């Protein structure tokens, strides 16, 4: 005769051998899976935040560069005006200036004032003029137009400047057009930032 379903366990039966609740075995696995998923989501969130910050910084840098260098093309065209004004003033000898009448002197002063104002406006927009006379030749900043035999200064020293150079921010707008000494002592005997060549003995 069959035993009822709710009858007590037969004598000597092991209670631990009874089937356990299936959900009890899945709880640790579920917790571990949720913890892993949370860690992955946190990692993805941190990566996304880092990428957004990098994008923001890059965008800010590009906008700053655009603001600073947007006038480069226009400024390069203005250099011809500055060069012509400088050449015009250099053609006037000291004797001519001394002997000129008041009207001519007024015109000369007006041109000089205009040149100074032009340079000031360019500097206001980050454009700076540089004259490398007496410095060591730097191909990143200077363009050699000729070599000048001059043993009184170190080889590779800029001894003549045909046209000054211009920078816009950290970039070269136009290299200085220079003549470079040839035949002197090894470069390095004179500091590279010295502004005047060594006097001839």
C-alpha atoms as a PDB file:
ATOM      1  CA  UNK A   1       0.000   0.000   0.000  1.00  0.00           C
ATOM      2  CA  UNK A   2       1.330   3.457  -0.954  1.00  0.00           C
ATOM      3  CA  UNK A   3       2.468   5.840   1.779  1.00  0.00           C
ATOM      4  CA  UNK A   4       0.630   9.204   2.017  1.00  0.00           C
ATOM      5  CA  UNK A   5       2.501  12.259   0.616  1.00  0.00           C
ATOM      6  CA  UNK A   6       2.379  14.052   3.994  1.00  0.00           C
ATOM      7  CA  UNK A   7       3.447  11.077   6.052  1.00  0.00           C
ATOM      8  CA  UNK A   8       6.596  11.447   8.127  1.00  0.00           C
ATOM      9  CA  UNK A   9       9.904  10.342   6.670  1.00  0.00           C
ATOM     10  CA  UNK A  10      10.714   6.747   7.262  1.00  0.00           C
ATOM     11  CA  UNK A  11      12.875   6.067  10.254  1.00  0.00           C
ATOM     12  CA  UNK A  12      16.609   6.461   9.541  1.00  0.00           C
ATOM     13  CA  UNK A  13      16.090   8.792   6.531  1.00  0.00           C
ATOM     14  CA  UNK A  14      18.578  11.752   6.239  1.00  0.00           C
ATOM     15  CA  UNK A  15      16.723  15.115   6.288  1.00  0.00           C
ATOM     16  CA  UNK A  16      19.676  16.832   4.429  1.00  0.00           C
ATOM     17  CA  UNK A  17      19.124  14.533   1.499  1.00  0.00           C
ATOM     18  CA  UNK A  18      15.722  16.126   0.907  1.00  0.00           C
ATOM     19  CA  UNK A  19      15.566  18.337  -2.257  1.00  0.00           C
ATOM     20  CA  UNK A  20      16.465  22.000  -1.488  1.00  0.00           C
ATOM     21  CA  UNK A  21      14.775  25.173  -2.801  1.00  0.00           C
ATOM     22  CA  UNK A  22      16.110  25.705  -6.358  1.00  0.00           C
ATOM     23  CA  UNK A  23      16.123  29.509  -5.936  1.00  0.00           C
ATOM     24  CA  UNK A  24      18.560  29.220  -3.026  1.00  0.00           C
ATOM     25  CA  UNK A  25      21.280  27.861  -5.325  1.00  0.00           C
ATOM     26  CA  UNK A  26      20.823  30.685  -7.899  1.00  0.00           C
ATOM     27  CA  UNK A  27      21.069  33.632  -5.445  1.00  0.00           C
ATOM     28  CA  UNK A  28      24.922  33.842  -5.268  1.00  0.00           C
ATOM     29  CA  UNK A  29      25.194  33.510  -9.063  1.00  0.00           C
ATOM     30  CA  UNK A  30      22.640  36.277  -9.585  1.00  0.00           C
ATOM     31  CA  UNK A  31      24.418  38.579  -7.132  1.00  0.00           C
ATOM     32  CA  UNK A  32      27.769  38.015  -8.844  1.00  0.00           C
ATOM     33  CA  UNK A  33      26.235  38.663 -12.261  1.00  0.00           C
ATOM     34  CA  UNK A  34      24.652  41.926 -11.081  1.00  0.00           C
ATOM     35  CA  UNK A  35      27.936  43.055  -9.490  1.00  0.00           C
ATOM     36  CA  UNK A  36      29.811  42.319 -12.722  1.00  0.00           C
ATOM     37  CA  UNK A  37      27.221  44.196 -14.784  1.00  0.00           C
ATOM     38  CA  UNK A  38      27.378  47.172 -12.406  1.00  0.00           C
ATOM     39  CA  UNK A  39      31.188  47.227 -12.663  1.00  0.00           C
ATOM     40  CA  UNK A  40      31.012  47.144 -16.470  1.00  0.00           C
ATOM     41  CA  UNK A  41      28.457  49.947 -16.566  1.00  0.00           C
ATOM     42  CA  UNK A  42      30.570  52.038 -14.194  1.00  0.00           C
ATOM     43  CA  UNK A  43      33.650  51.470 -16.364  1.00  0.00           C
ATOM     44  CA  UNK A  44      31.715  52.473 -19.494  1.00  0.00           C
ATOM     45  CA  UNK A  45      30.401  55.583 -17.744  1.00  0.00           C
ATOM     46  CA  UNK A  46      33.901  56.635 -16.644  1.00  0.00           C
ATOM     47  CA  UNK A  47      35.258  56.072 -20.147  1.00  0.00           C
ATOM     48  CA  UNK A  48      32.429  58.121 -21.654  1.00  0.00           C
ATOM     49  CA  UNK A  49      33.035  60.957 -19.191  1.00  0.00           C
ATOM     50  CA  UNK A  50      36.764  60.912 -19.978  1.00  0.00           C
ATOM     51  CA  UNK A  51      36.069  60.988 -23.721  1.00  0.00           C
ATOM     52  CA  UNK A  52      33.667  63.901 -23.294  1.00  0.00           C
ATOM     53  CA  UNK A  53      36.248  65.829 -21.265  1.00  0.00           C
ATOM     54  CA  UNK A  54      38.920  65.181 -23.909  1.00  0.00           C
ATOM     55  CA  UNK A  55      36.488  66.309 -26.607  1.00  0.00           C
ATOM     56  CA  UNK A  56      35.712  69.494 -24.681  1.00  0.00           C
ATOM     57  CA  UNK A  57      39.397  70.298 -24.239  1.00  0.00           C
ATOM     58  CA  UNK A  58      40.142  69.583 -27.889  1.00  0.00           C
ATOM     59  CA  UNK A  59      37.239  71.761 -28.998  1.00  0.00           C
ATOM     60  CA  UNK A  60      38.366  74.606 -26.726  1.00  0.00           C
ATOM     61  CA  UNK A  61      41.902  74.325 -28.103  1.00  0.00           C
ATOM     62  CA  UNK A  62      40.692  74.302 -31.704  1.00  0.00           C
ATOM     63  CA  UNK A  63      38.484  77.332 -31.084  1.00  0.00           C
ATOM     64  CA  UNK A  64      41.397  79.196 -29.492  1.00  0.00           C
ATOM     65  CA  UNK A  65      43.632  78.311 -32.452  1.00  0.00           C
ATOM     66  CA  UNK A  66      40.953  79.425 -34.878  1.00  0.00           C
ATOM     67  CA  UNK A  67      40.597  82.770 -33.106  1.00  0.00           C
ATOM     68  CA  UNK A  68      44.359  83.283 -32.978  1.00  0.00           C
ATOM     69  CA  UNK A  69      45.289  82.150 -36.465  1.00  0.00           C
ATOM     70  CA  UNK A  70      42.201  83.238 -38.417  1.00  0.00           C
ATOM     71  CA  UNK A  71      43.921  86.505 -39.334  1.00  0.00           C
ATOM     72  CA  UNK A  72      47.086  84.768 -40.611  1.00  0.00           C
ATOM     73  CA  UNK A  73      46.244  85.141 -44.290  1.00  0.00           C
ATOM     74  CA  UNK A  74      45.226  88.782 -43.885  1.00  0.00           C
ATOM     75  CA  UNK A  75      48.310  89.496 -41.755  1.00  0.00           C
ATOM     76  CA  UNK A  76      50.609  87.908 -44.355  1.00  0.00           C
ATOM     77  CA  UNK A  77      49.223  90.335 -46.934  1.00  0.00           C
ATOM     78  CA  UNK A  78      49.866  93.257 -44.587  1.00  0.00           C
ATOM     79  CA  UNK A  79      53.559  92.362 -44.319  1.00  0.00           C
ATOM     80  CA  UNK A  80      54.133  93.712 -47.822  1.00  0.00           C
ATOM     81  CA  UNK A  81      52.738  97.066 -46.675  1.00  0.00           C
ATOM     82  CA  UNK A  82      55.024  97.100 -43.632  1.00  0.00           C
ATOM     83  CA  UNK A  83      58.032  96.152 -45.802  1.00  0.00           C
ATOM     84  CA  UNK A  84      57.342  98.920 -48.309  1.00  0.00           C
ATOM     85  CA  UNK A  85      57.023 101.528 -45.584  1.00  0.00           C
ATOM     86  CA  UNK A  86      60.290 100.384 -44.034  1.00  0.00           C
ATOM     87  CA  UNK A  87      62.073 100.470 -47.383  1.00  0.00           C
ATOM     88  CA  UNK A  88      60.742 103.945 -48.097  1.00  0.00           C
ATOM     89  CA  UNK A  89      62.083 105.254 -44.804  1.00  0.00           C
ATOM     90  CA  UNK A  90      65.477 103.555 -45.274  1.00  0.00           C
ATOM     91  CA  UNK A  91      66.013 105.328 -48.585  1.00  0.00           C
ATOM     92  CA  UNK A  92      66.062 108.671 -46.755  1.00  0.00           C
ATOM     93  CA  UNK A  93      69.585 109.503 -45.658  1.00  0.00           C
ATOM     94  CA  UNK A  94      70.357 111.451 -42.508  1.00  0.00           C
ATOM     95  CA  UNK A  95      71.602 114.373 -44.628  1.00  0.00           C
ATOM     96  CA  UNK A  96      68.360 114.485 -46.581  1.00  0.00           C
ATOM     97  CA  UNK A  97      66.354 114.537 -43.354  1.00  0.00           C
ATOM     98  CA  UNK A  98      68.478 117.354 -41.939  1.00  0.00           C
ATOM     99  CA  UNK A  99      68.207 119.474 -45.070  1.00  0.00           C
ATOM    100  CA  UNK A 100      64.522 118.809 -45.751  1.00  0.00           C
ATOM    101  CA  UNK A 101      62.060 121.632 -45.233  1.00  0.00           C
ATOM    102  CA  UNK A 102      59.289 121.468 -42.653  1.00  0.00           C
ATOM    103  CA  UNK A 103      56.712 120.081 -45.104  1.00  0.00           C
ATOM    104  CA  UNK A 104      58.911 117.131 -46.125  1.00  0.00           C
ATOM    105  CA  UNK A 105      59.848 116.463 -42.503  1.00  0.00           C
ATOM    106  CA  UNK A 106      56.167 116.398 -41.612  1.00  0.00           C
ATOM    107  CA  UNK A 107      55.549 113.826 -44.364  1.00  0.00           C
ATOM    108  CA  UNK A 108      58.441 111.678 -43.102  1.00  0.00           C
ATOM    109  CA  UNK A 109      57.148 111.844 -39.538  1.00  0.00           C
ATOM    110  CA  UNK A 110      53.686 110.884 -40.772  1.00  0.00           C
ATOM    111  CA  UNK A 111      55.055 107.792 -42.529  1.00  0.00           C
ATOM    112  CA  UNK A 112      57.034 106.824 -39.412  1.00  0.00           C
ATOM    113  CA  UNK A 113      53.951 107.273 -37.249  1.00  0.00           C
ATOM    114  CA  UNK A 114      51.896 105.139 -39.643  1.00  0.00           C
ATOM    115  CA  UNK A 115      54.548 102.407 -39.581  1.00  0.00           C
ATOM    116  CA  UNK A 116      54.618 102.382 -35.761  1.00  0.00           C
ATOM    117  CA  UNK A 117      50.828 102.265 -35.624  1.00  0.00           C
ATOM    118  CA  UNK A 118      50.738  99.369 -38.094  1.00  0.00           C
ATOM    119  CA  UNK A 119      53.223  97.382 -35.994  1.00  0.00           C
ATOM    120  CA  UNK A 120      51.237  98.176 -32.840  1.00  0.00           C
ATOM    121  CA  UNK A 121      47.983  96.952 -34.425  1.00  0.00           C
ATOM    122  CA  UNK A 122      49.642  93.731 -35.596  1.00  0.00           C
ATOM    123  CA  UNK A 123      51.056  93.114 -32.116  1.00  0.00           C
ATOM    124  CA  UNK A 124      47.577  93.632 -30.688  1.00  0.00           C
ATOM    125  CA  UNK A 125      46.450  90.676 -32.803  1.00  0.00           C
ATOM    126  CA  UNK A 126      49.365  88.444 -31.776  1.00  0.00           C
ATOM    127  CA  UNK A 127      51.679  89.242 -34.703  1.00  0.00           C
ATOM    128  CA  UNK A 128      55.221  90.029 -33.592  1.00  0.00           C
ATOM    129  CA  UNK A 129      58.193  91.215 -35.612  1.00  0.00           C
ATOM    130  CA  UNK A 130      61.668  89.812 -34.943  1.00  0.00           C
ATOM    131  CA  UNK A 131      65.106  90.814 -36.186  1.00  0.00           C
ATOM    132  CA  UNK A 132      67.687  88.007 -35.815  1.00  0.00           C
ATOM    133  CA  UNK A 133      70.804  90.073 -36.545  1.00  0.00           C
ATOM    134  CA  UNK A 134      73.757  88.603 -34.634  1.00  0.00           C
ATOM    135  CA  UNK A 135      71.924  85.400 -33.715  1.00  0.00           C
ATOM    136  CA  UNK A 136      72.792  81.857 -34.774  1.00  0.00           C
ATOM    137  CA  UNK A 137      71.037  80.832 -37.983  1.00  0.00           C
ATOM    138  CA  UNK A 138      67.887  78.816 -37.269  1.00  0.00           C
ATOM    139  CA  UNK A 139      66.254  77.210 -40.341  1.00  0.00           C
ATOM    140  CA  UNK A 140      62.940  77.121 -38.473  1.00  0.00           C
ATOM    141  CA  UNK A 141      62.902  80.913 -38.155  1.00  0.00           C
ATOM    142  CA  UNK A 142      65.239  82.201 -40.854  1.00  0.00           C
ATOM    143  CA  UNK A 143      65.603  81.828 -44.614  1.00  0.00           C
ATOM    144  CA  UNK A 144      69.182  82.165 -45.840  1.00  0.00           C
ATOM    145  CA  UNK A 145      69.401  84.320 -48.949  1.00  0.00           C
ATOM    146  CA  UNK A 146      73.209  84.432 -49.197  1.00  0.00           C
ATOM    147  CA  UNK A 147      76.462  83.605 -47.451  1.00  0.00           C
ATOM    148  CA  UNK A 148      78.722  86.438 -46.361  1.00  0.00           C
ATOM    149  CA  UNK A 149      82.456  85.813 -45.834  1.00  0.00           C
ATOM    150  CA  UNK A 150      83.144  87.244 -42.381  1.00  0.00           C
ATOM    151  CA  UNK A 151      85.804  85.588 -40.198  1.00  0.00           C
ATOM    152  CA  UNK A 152      85.100  88.011 -37.344  1.00  0.00           C
ATOM    153  CA  UNK A 153      81.962  86.131 -36.278  1.00  0.00           C
ATOM    154  CA  UNK A 154      81.179  82.424 -35.790  1.00  0.00           C
ATOM    155  CA  UNK A 155      80.236  80.464 -38.867  1.00  0.00           C
ATOM    156  CA  UNK A 156      76.436  80.373 -39.236  1.00  0.00           C
ATOM    157  CA  UNK A 157      75.798  83.745 -37.581  1.00  0.00           C
ATOM    158  CA  UNK A 158      73.186  86.045 -39.108  1.00  0.00           C
ATOM    159  CA  UNK A 159      75.119  89.130 -40.215  1.00  0.00           C
ATOM    160  CA  UNK A 160      72.572  90.728 -42.522  1.00  0.00           C
ATOM    161  CA  UNK A 161      68.782  90.970 -42.439  1.00  0.00           C
ATOM    162  CA  UNK A 162      67.108  91.752 -45.747  1.00  0.00           C
ATOM    163  CA  UNK A 163      63.608  91.478 -44.275  1.00  0.00           C
ATOM    164  CA  UNK A 164      62.545  90.929 -40.653  1.00  0.00           C
ATOM    165  CA  UNK A 165      60.575  87.854 -39.670  1.00  0.00           C
ATOM    166  CA  UNK A 166      57.100  87.736 -38.164  1.00  0.00           C
ATOM    167  CA  UNK A 167      55.453  85.319 -35.732  1.00  0.00           C
ATOM    168  CA  UNK A 168      51.761  84.825 -35.082  1.00  0.00           C
ATOM    169  CA  UNK A 169      51.329  83.171 -31.731  1.00  0.00           C
ATOM    170  CA  UNK A 170      53.803  80.272 -31.717  1.00  0.00           C
ATOM    171  CA  UNK A 171      53.873  79.926 -35.507  1.00  0.00           C
ATOM    172  CA  UNK A 172      56.140  81.544 -38.070  1.00  0.00           C
ATOM    173  CA  UNK A 173      54.111  83.863 -40.247  1.00  0.00           C
ATOM    174  CA  UNK A 174      57.150  84.680 -42.359  1.00  0.00           C
ATOM    175  CA  UNK A 175      60.782  83.690 -41.781  1.00  0.00           C
ATOM    176  CA  UNK A 176      63.383  86.430 -41.645  1.00  0.00           C
ATOM    177  CA  UNK A 177      65.335  86.764 -44.900  1.00  0.00           C
ATOM    178  CA  UNK A 178      68.985  86.814 -43.888  1.00  0.00           C
ATOM    179  CA  UNK A 179      72.611  86.661 -44.925  1.00  0.00           C
ATOM    180  CA  UNK A 180      74.699  84.145 -42.974  1.00  0.00           C
ATOM    181  CA  UNK A 181      78.399  84.400 -42.099  1.00  0.00           C
ATOM    182  CA  UNK A 182      80.802  81.896 -43.615  1.00  0.00           C
ATOM    183  CA  UNK A 183      84.391  81.172 -42.703  1.00  0.00           C
ATOM    184  CA  UNK A 184      84.501  82.249 -39.043  1.00  0.00           C
ATOM    185  CA  UNK A 185      85.185  80.038 -36.008  1.00  0.00           C
ATOM    186  CA  UNK A 186      82.915  77.127 -35.184  1.00  0.00           C
ATOM    187  CA  UNK A 187      79.364  78.108 -34.271  1.00  0.00           C
ATOM    188  CA  UNK A 188      78.922  77.945 -30.503  1.00  0.00           C
ATOM    189  CA  UNK A 189      81.957  80.033 -29.678  1.00  0.00           C
ATOM    190  CA  UNK A 190      79.537  82.938 -29.359  1.00  0.00           C
ATOM    191  CA  UNK A 191      76.186  82.664 -27.496  1.00  0.00           C
ATOM    192  CA  UNK A 192      73.370  82.046 -29.957  1.00  0.00           C
ATOM    193  CA  UNK A 193      71.258  84.820 -28.449  1.00  0.00           C
ATOM    194  CA  UNK A 194      73.965  87.494 -28.783  1.00  0.00           C
ATOM    195  CA  UNK A 195      72.436  90.434 -30.625  1.00  0.00           C
ATOM    196  CA  UNK A 196      75.573  91.877 -32.256  1.00  0.00           C
ATOM    197  CA  UNK A 197      78.445  90.222 -34.104  1.00  0.00           C
ATOM    198  CA  UNK A 198      81.888  90.108 -32.499  1.00  0.00           C
ATOM    199  CA  UNK A 199      83.925  93.230 -33.265  1.00  0.00           C
ATOM    200  CA  UNK A 200      86.721  92.748 -35.775  1.00  0.00           C
ATOM    201  CA  UNK A 201      90.173  92.762 -34.219  1.00  0.00           C
END
